[in-house]
């Protein structure tokens, strides 16, 4: 866990914030909004993961990414925060939460936390996801703009796993690194995709 995660987690504990509650998500969202600039390199302090995409499915990761088709994309996130859905040709499918504005991100996280394999919120906790399940679930309607195909060969460096107790911190930190676009444009396009479902 990075120093920033530790600092925020300790501050929440000292403030009497109960994890995984509406109060907790609101607290972390406000704290994250006050942070101006995050050192992405400092967040990548975990051991390098050398696992297959099927083994990483159901977990949340941060990583640096350089898309193969970046010249054709209107914009892309060079530092995705992804919940891995499952293996795909040459890589994996994942939900990049950065494609949602913070209010929708919080609602989406609420729905996702309802479909974990347990309520321990430790290293054994995983999201139980599939594309067909996401498409069927009205509670998870925000998934569409987040669903991406990542190529393993275009991941730059290592993956840093976000453990379950840190989900709320990671989701609200301003770590997105947009190329060829800005958050307002991304969020406007994402809302159009969601309303078109």
Foldseek 3Di string as FASTA:
>chain_A
DFPVLVVVVVVCVVVVHDPPDPSNLVVLLVVQVPDDDDDVVRLQPDDFDDDALAVQAQFWKWFAFDDPPCVPDLKDWRIFTWHFHGADVQGTKTFGLLLAPSVVSVQLVNVQQVQWPDDPQFQVIGGNHDPVVLVPDPSNLLRVLRIDGGHPVGTDDGIDTDGRSSPSNVSNHPPTDMDNDDNVVSNVVSVVVSVVD
